C-alpha atoms as a PDB file:
ATOM      1  CA  MET A   1     103.040  76.651  82.577  1.00  0.00           C
ATOM      2  CA  ASN A   2     105.892  75.909  85.012  1.00  0.00           C
ATOM      3  CA  LEU A   3     108.148  74.943  82.091  1.00  0.00           C
ATOM      4  CA  LEU A   4     107.307  78.230  80.367  1.00  0.00           C
ATOM      5  CA  ARG A   5     108.049  80.076  83.603  1.00  0.00           C
ATOM      6  CA  ALA A   6     111.460  78.422  83.758  1.00  0.00           C
ATOM      7  CA  ILE A   7     112.268  79.469  80.185  1.00  0.00           C
ATOM      8  CA  TYR A   8     110.808  82.982  80.152  1.00  0.00           C
ATOM      9  CA  PRO A   9     111.496  85.607  82.841  1.00  0.00           C
ATOM     10  CA  GLU A  10     108.732  87.500  84.617  1.00  0.00           C
ATOM     11  CA  ARG A  11     106.804  90.108  82.619  1.00  0.00           C
ATOM     12  CA  VAL A  12     107.398  88.241  79.354  1.00  0.00           C
ATOM     13  CA  ILE A  13     104.510  85.814  79.668  1.00  0.00           C
ATOM     14  CA  CYS A  14     101.285  86.245  81.623  1.00  0.00           C
ATOM     15  CA  VAL A  15     101.282  84.809  85.167  1.00  0.00           C
ATOM     16  CA  VAL A  16      97.821  83.335  84.543  1.00  0.00           C
ATOM     17  CA  CYS A  17      97.571  82.150  80.940  1.00  0.00           C
ATOM     18  CA  GLY A  18     101.118  82.100  79.558  1.00  0.00           C
ATOM     19  CA  ARG A  19     100.403  84.471  76.654  1.00  0.00           C
ATOM     20  CA  PRO A  20     102.827  87.351  75.866  1.00  0.00           C
ATOM     21  CA  SER A  21     102.319  90.009  78.549  1.00  0.00           C
ATOM     22  CA  GLN A  22     103.971  93.087  76.998  1.00  0.00           C
ATOM     23  CA  GLY A  23     106.196  93.817  79.985  1.00  0.00           C
ATOM     24  CA  GLU A  24     103.472  93.272  82.607  1.00  0.00           C
ATOM     25  CA  PHE A  25     102.656  90.385  84.928  1.00  0.00           C
ATOM     26  CA  LEU A  26      99.280  89.912  83.202  1.00  0.00           C
ATOM     27  CA  CYS A  27      98.447  90.012  79.511  1.00  0.00           C
ATOM     28  CA  PRO A  28      95.876  92.617  78.386  1.00  0.00           C
ATOM     29  CA  LYS A  29      93.078  90.026  78.193  1.00  0.00           C
ATOM     30  CA  CYS A  30      93.627  88.729  81.743  1.00  0.00           C
ATOM     31  CA  THR A  31      93.956  92.295  83.034  1.00  0.00           C
ATOM     32  CA  GLU A  32      90.591  93.159  81.503  1.00  0.00           C
ATOM     33  CA  GLU A  33      88.966  89.990  82.851  1.00  0.00           C
ATOM     34  CA  LEU A  34      90.351  90.620  86.343  1.00  0.00           C
ATOM     35  CA  GLU A  35      88.907  94.122  86.430  1.00  0.00           C
ATOM     36  CA  LYS A  36      85.454  92.783  85.585  1.00  0.00           C
ATOM     37  CA  LEU A  37      85.607  90.693  88.776  1.00  0.00           C
ATOM     38  CA  ARG A  38      86.220  93.662  91.069  1.00  0.00           C
ATOM     39  CA  LEU A  39      83.816  93.997  93.989  1.00  0.00           C
ATOM     40  CA  GLU A  40      82.430  97.459  94.630  1.00  0.00           C
ATOM     41  CA  GLY A  41      81.052  99.058  97.779  1.00  0.00           C
ATOM     42  CA  GLU A  42      82.428 100.563 100.978  1.00  0.00           C
ATOM     43  CA  LYS A  43      81.325  97.538 103.032  1.00  0.00           C
ATOM     44  CA  GLU A  44      83.363  95.112 100.968  1.00  0.00           C
ATOM     45  CA  HIS A  45      86.545  93.844 102.621  1.00  0.00           C
ATOM     46  CA  ALA A  46      87.530  91.822  99.578  1.00  0.00           C
ATOM     47  CA  SER A  47      88.729  93.060  96.213  1.00  0.00           C
ATOM     48  CA  TYR A  48      87.553  90.440  93.695  1.00  0.00           C
ATOM     49  CA  ARG A  49      85.067  87.643  93.226  1.00  0.00           C
ATOM     50  CA  TYR A  50      86.800  84.298  93.575  1.00  0.00           C
ATOM     51  CA  GLU A  51      86.310  83.393  89.940  1.00  0.00           C
ATOM     52  CA  GLY A  52      88.177  83.326  86.639  1.00  0.00           C
ATOM     53  CA  VAL A  53      91.475  85.195  86.584  1.00  0.00           C
ATOM     54  CA  ALA A  54      91.266  86.161  90.262  1.00  0.00           C
ATOM     55  CA  LYS A  55      90.831  82.523  91.299  1.00  0.00           C
ATOM     56  CA  LYS A  56      93.663  81.455  88.996  1.00  0.00           C
ATOM     57  CA  LEU A  57      95.972  84.066  90.550  1.00  0.00           C
ATOM     58  CA  VAL A  58      95.229  82.712  94.018  1.00  0.00           C
ATOM     59  CA  HIS A  59      95.900  79.160  92.811  1.00  0.00           C
ATOM     60  CA  ARG A  60      99.150  80.197  91.125  1.00  0.00           C
ATOM     61  CA  LEU A  61     100.318  81.628  94.453  1.00  0.00           C
ATOM     62  CA  LYS A  62      98.828  78.987  96.734  1.00  0.00           C
ATOM     63  CA  PHE A  63      99.591  75.775  94.878  1.00  0.00           C
ATOM     64  CA  ASP A  64     102.288  76.656  92.313  1.00  0.00           C
ATOM     65  CA  ASN A  65     104.418  78.968  94.521  1.00  0.00           C
ATOM     66  CA  VAL A  66     104.373  81.726  91.881  1.00  0.00           C
ATOM     67  CA  THR A  67     105.180  84.725  94.063  1.00  0.00           C
ATOM     68  CA  ALA A  68     104.547  87.146  91.182  1.00  0.00           C
ATOM     69  CA  ALA A  69     100.849  86.328  91.614  1.00  0.00           C
ATOM     70  CA  ALA A  70     101.015  87.961  95.072  1.00  0.00           C
ATOM     71  CA  THR A  71     102.490  91.083  93.492  1.00  0.00           C
ATOM     72  CA  VAL A  72      99.600  91.216  91.010  1.00  0.00           C
ATOM     73  CA  LEU A  73      96.989  90.723  93.729  1.00  0.00           C
ATOM     74  CA  ALA A  74      98.547  93.335  96.006  1.00  0.00           C
ATOM     75  CA  ARG A  75      98.750  95.859  93.194  1.00  0.00           C
ATOM     76  CA  ALA A  76      95.105  95.271  92.321  1.00  0.00           C
ATOM     77  CA  MET A  77      93.616  95.249  95.827  1.00  0.00           C
ATOM     78  CA  GLY A  78      92.680  98.942  96.009  1.00  0.00           C
ATOM     79  CA  LEU A  79      95.282  99.609  98.678  1.00  0.00           C
ATOM     80  CA  ASP A  80      95.322 103.384  98.168  1.00  0.00           C
ATOM     81  CA  ALA A  81      91.779 103.564  99.562  1.00  0.00           C
ATOM     82  CA  VAL A  82      92.696 101.229 102.421  1.00  0.00           C
ATOM     83  CA  LYS A  83      95.753 103.286 103.325  1.00  0.00           C
ATOM     84  CA  MET A  84      93.564 106.325 104.009  1.00  0.00           C
ATOM     85  CA  HIS A  85      92.179 104.482 107.054  1.00  0.00           C
ATOM     86  CA  LEU A  86      95.535 103.243 108.380  1.00  0.00           C
ATOM     87  CA  SER A  87      97.918 104.982 110.740  1.00  0.00           C
ATOM     88  CA  PRO A  88     101.629 105.296 109.850  1.00  0.00           C
ATOM     89  CA  GLU A  89     102.339 102.824 112.684  1.00  0.00           C
ATOM     90  CA  THR A  90     100.233 100.054 111.112  1.00  0.00           C
ATOM     91  CA  VAL A  91     101.869  96.647 110.745  1.00  0.00           C
ATOM     92  CA  VAL A  92     100.725  94.164 108.086  1.00  0.00           C
ATOM     93  CA  THR A  93     100.182  90.540 109.089  1.00  0.00           C
ATOM     94  CA  TRP A  94      98.559  87.397 107.711  1.00  0.00           C
ATOM     95  CA  VAL A  95      96.628  84.258 108.643  1.00  0.00           C
ATOM     96  CA  THR A  96      99.413  81.828 109.476  1.00  0.00           C
ATOM     97  CA  MET A  97      99.444  78.469 107.707  1.00  0.00           C
ATOM     98  CA  PRO A  98      99.783  75.140 109.556  1.00  0.00           C
ATOM     99  CA  GLU A  99     103.483  74.279 109.755  1.00  0.00           C
ATOM    100  CA  LYS A 100     102.964  70.836 108.208  1.00  0.00           C
ATOM    101  CA  ARG A 101     101.164  72.345 105.218  1.00  0.00           C
ATOM    102  CA  ARG A 102     103.845  75.020 104.856  1.00  0.00           C
ATOM    103  CA  ARG A 103     106.528  72.330 104.672  1.00  0.00           C
ATOM    104  CA  ILE A 104     104.526  70.458 102.025  1.00  0.00           C
ATOM    105  CA  ARG A 105     103.937  73.530  99.847  1.00  0.00           C
ATOM    106  CA  GLY A 106     107.320  75.152 100.432  1.00  0.00           C
ATOM    107  CA  ILE A 107     105.987  78.619 101.260  1.00  0.00           C
ATOM    108  CA  ASP A 108     103.400  80.285 103.453  1.00  0.00           C
ATOM    109  CA  HIS A 109     101.429  81.973 100.682  1.00  0.00           C
ATOM    110  CA  GLY A 110      99.701  84.271 103.191  1.00  0.00           C
ATOM    111  CA  GLN A 111     103.059  85.632 104.256  1.00  0.00           C
ATOM    112  CA  VAL A 112     104.065  86.181 100.620  1.00  0.00           C
ATOM    113  CA  LEU A 113     100.856  88.126  99.986  1.00  0.00           C
ATOM    114  CA  ALA A 114     101.337  90.156 103.186  1.00  0.00           C
ATOM    115  CA  ARG A 115     104.864  91.090 102.116  1.00  0.00           C
ATOM    116  CA  ALA A 116     103.590  92.213  98.716  1.00  0.00           C
ATOM    117  CA  VAL A 117     100.898  94.328 100.406  1.00  0.00           C
ATOM    118  CA  GLY A 118     103.389  95.762 102.882  1.00  0.00           C
ATOM    119  CA  LEU A 119     105.782  96.675 100.091  1.00  0.00           C
ATOM    120  CA  ARG A 120     102.965  98.347  98.194  1.00  0.00           C
ATOM    121  CA  LEU A 121     101.874 100.366 101.248  1.00  0.00           C
ATOM    122  CA  GLY A 122     105.354 101.065 102.593  1.00  0.00           C
ATOM    123  CA  LEU A 123     104.455  99.345 105.879  1.00  0.00           C
ATOM    124  CA  PRO A 124     106.339  96.718 107.904  1.00  0.00           C
ATOM    125  CA  VAL A 125     105.220  93.092 107.836  1.00  0.00           C
ATOM    126  CA  LYS A 126     105.400  90.800 110.845  1.00  0.00           C
ATOM    127  CA  ARG A 127     103.871  87.550 112.031  1.00  0.00           C
ATOM    128  CA  LEU A 128     101.425  88.530 114.767  1.00  0.00           C
ATOM    129  CA  LEU A 129      99.249  85.398 114.958  1.00  0.00           C
ATOM    130  CA  ILE A 130     100.341  82.098 116.459  1.00  0.00           C
ATOM    131  CA  ARG A 131      98.587  79.058 115.036  1.00  0.00           C
ATOM    132  CA  SER A 132      98.115  76.121 117.381  1.00  0.00           C
ATOM    133  CA  GLU A 133      99.663  72.922 116.045  1.00  0.00           C
ATOM    134  CA  LYS A 134      97.590  70.850 118.497  1.00  0.00           C
ATOM    135  CA  HIS A 135      94.527  71.064 116.269  1.00  0.00           C
ATOM    136  CA  PRO A 136      94.220  68.341 113.615  1.00  0.00           C
ATOM    137  CA  LEU A 137      95.189  69.416 110.108  1.00  0.00           C
ATOM    138  CA  ARG A 138      91.906  69.386 108.187  1.00  0.00           C
ATOM    139  CA  THR A 139      90.314  71.319 105.403  1.00  0.00           C
ATOM    140  CA  GLN A 140      87.407  73.664 106.045  1.00  0.00           C
ATOM    141  CA  ARG A 141      86.147  73.294 102.475  1.00  0.00           C
ATOM    142  CA  GLY A 142      82.392  72.809 102.294  1.00  0.00           C
ATOM    143  CA  SER A 143      81.750  73.544 105.980  1.00  0.00           C
ATOM    144  CA  SER A 144      79.158  76.045 107.198  1.00  0.00           C
ATOM    145  CA  LYS A 145      80.304  79.185 108.978  1.00  0.00           C
ATOM    146  CA  GLU A 146      79.039  77.831 112.320  1.00  0.00           C
ATOM    147  CA  ARG A 147      81.021  74.604 111.906  1.00  0.00           C
ATOM    148  CA  ARG A 148      84.096  76.489 110.772  1.00  0.00           C
ATOM    149  CA  LEU A 149      83.910  78.741 113.831  1.00  0.00           C
ATOM    150  CA  ARG A 150      83.667  75.679 116.090  1.00  0.00           C
ATOM    151  CA  ASN A 151      86.670  74.097 114.364  1.00  0.00           C
ATOM    152  CA  LEU A 152      88.660  77.298 114.862  1.00  0.00           C
ATOM    153  CA  ILE A 153      88.106  77.650 118.615  1.00  0.00           C
ATOM    154  CA  GLY A 154      91.522  78.034 120.240  1.00  0.00           C
ATOM    155  CA  MET A 155      93.276  77.857 116.878  1.00  0.00           C
ATOM    156  CA  PHE A 156      94.829  81.349 116.901  1.00  0.00           C
ATOM    157  CA  THR A 157      96.403  83.460 119.616  1.00  0.00           C
ATOM    158  CA  ALA A 158      98.111  86.837 119.326  1.00  0.00           C
ATOM    159  CA  GLU A 159     101.826  87.399 119.716  1.00  0.00           C
ATOM    160  CA  GLU A 160     103.015  89.538 122.625  1.00  0.00           C
ATOM    161  CA  ASN A 161     103.899  93.233 122.266  1.00  0.00           C
ATOM    162  CA  LEU A 162     101.488  93.930 119.437  1.00  0.00           C
ATOM    163  CA  PRO A 163     101.421  97.225 117.540  1.00  0.00           C
ATOM    164  CA  LYS A 164      98.362  99.405 118.117  1.00  0.00           C
ATOM    165  CA  ASP A 165      97.187  99.158 114.505  1.00  0.00           C
ATOM    166  CA  ILE A 166      97.193  96.044 112.345  1.00  0.00           C
ATOM    167  CA  LEU A 167      96.209  95.277 108.751  1.00  0.00           C
ATOM    168  CA  LEU A 168      95.325  91.592 108.442  1.00  0.00           C
ATOM    169  CA  VAL A 169      95.360  90.233 104.885  1.00  0.00           C
ATOM    170  CA  ASP A 170      94.284  86.904 103.405  1.00  0.00           C
ATOM    171  CA  ASP A 171      93.851  85.423  99.945  1.00  0.00           C
ATOM    172  CA  VAL A 172      90.256  84.131 100.044  1.00  0.00           C
ATOM    173  CA  THR A 173      87.141  84.771 102.123  1.00  0.00           C
ATOM    174  CA  THR A 174      84.569  81.967 102.016  1.00  0.00           C
ATOM    175  CA  THR A 175      82.297  82.331 105.042  1.00  0.00           C
ATOM    176  CA  GLY A 176      84.488  84.822 106.885  1.00  0.00           C
ATOM    177  CA  ALA A 177      84.961  82.474 109.853  1.00  0.00           C
ATOM    178  CA  THR A 178      88.759  82.387 109.714  1.00  0.00           C
ATOM    179  CA  MET A 179      89.086  86.152 109.372  1.00  0.00           C
ATOM    180  CA  GLU A 180      86.554  86.682 112.168  1.00  0.00           C
ATOM    181  CA  THR A 181      88.489  84.320 114.437  1.00  0.00           C
ATOM    182  CA  CYS A 182      91.846  85.933 113.692  1.00  0.00           C
ATOM    183  CA  CYS A 183      90.525  89.477 114.106  1.00  0.00           C
ATOM    184  CA  GLY A 184      88.987  88.429 117.406  1.00  0.00           C
ATOM    185  CA  ALA A 185      92.285  87.044 118.692  1.00  0.00           C
ATOM    186  CA  LEU A 186      94.025  90.320 117.858  1.00  0.00           C
ATOM    187  CA  ARG A 187      91.282  92.604 119.148  1.00  0.00           C
ATOM    188  CA  ARG A 188      91.156  90.803 122.490  1.00  0.00           C
ATOM    189  CA  ALA A 189      94.719  92.010 122.910  1.00  0.00           C
ATOM    190  CA  GLY A 190      93.422  95.589 122.659  1.00  0.00           C
ATOM    191  CA  VAL A 191      94.552  96.560 119.168  1.00  0.00           C
ATOM    192  CA  ARG A 192      92.740  98.064 116.180  1.00  0.00           C
ATOM    193  CA  VAL A 193      92.426  95.667 113.255  1.00  0.00           C
ATOM    194  CA  THR A 194      91.593  96.389 109.624  1.00  0.00           C
ATOM    195  CA  HIS A 195      91.118  93.323 107.446  1.00  0.00           C
ATOM    196  CA  LEU A 196      91.258  92.831 103.703  1.00  0.00           C
ATOM    197  CA  THR A 197      91.182  89.779 101.453  1.00  0.00           C
ATOM    198  CA  ALA A 198      92.132  89.496  97.810  1.00  0.00           C
ATOM    199  CA  THR A 199      89.082  87.469  96.771  1.00  0.00           C
ATOM    200  CA  LYS A 200      85.662  86.460  98.049  1.00  0.00           C
ATOM    201  CA  VAL A 201      83.568  83.387  97.284  1.00  0.00           C
ATOM    202  CA  ASP A 202      80.003  84.358  96.372  1.00  0.00           C
END
């Protein structure tokens, strides 16, 4: 796939499967499959089930540094409905990645997704969460929400001089512990936080 990406420019082959994409980031088949994964309901703060094409898009962004995947996710995240609940002064931010992991991967994929969302909404994007580097770098995969919350104690603090309204975006919700922790850090500073993730693990 990476070799194909080097040969063919964007919108020639599908970001997910490598088939001809007819001038779009996704081919018609992957577009159709992605739409079938959409989560419905006003209480949902995620756009898609973390399966199939949606999961592959997250992996293309997260592990392969394919920034076009962030553009696809942002375009598909139902942002027009979200914007109705945001003030014009809203600033978009993201869950900051550990610095060591960012150096290994080359990008902070959360920041890339936030920039794509901000561009789509016409809103500024800024880092508003500080991630403590004192905590050991460990994966949360497979942990319960209670254990994740314990692991995240003291992990995030808010920057100074926050805007009054913030949209916090992330790529995947598993138990919701990370988003809950980050929203809490921002809300303790007295701001209004709306949160949205691209995908959700069932």
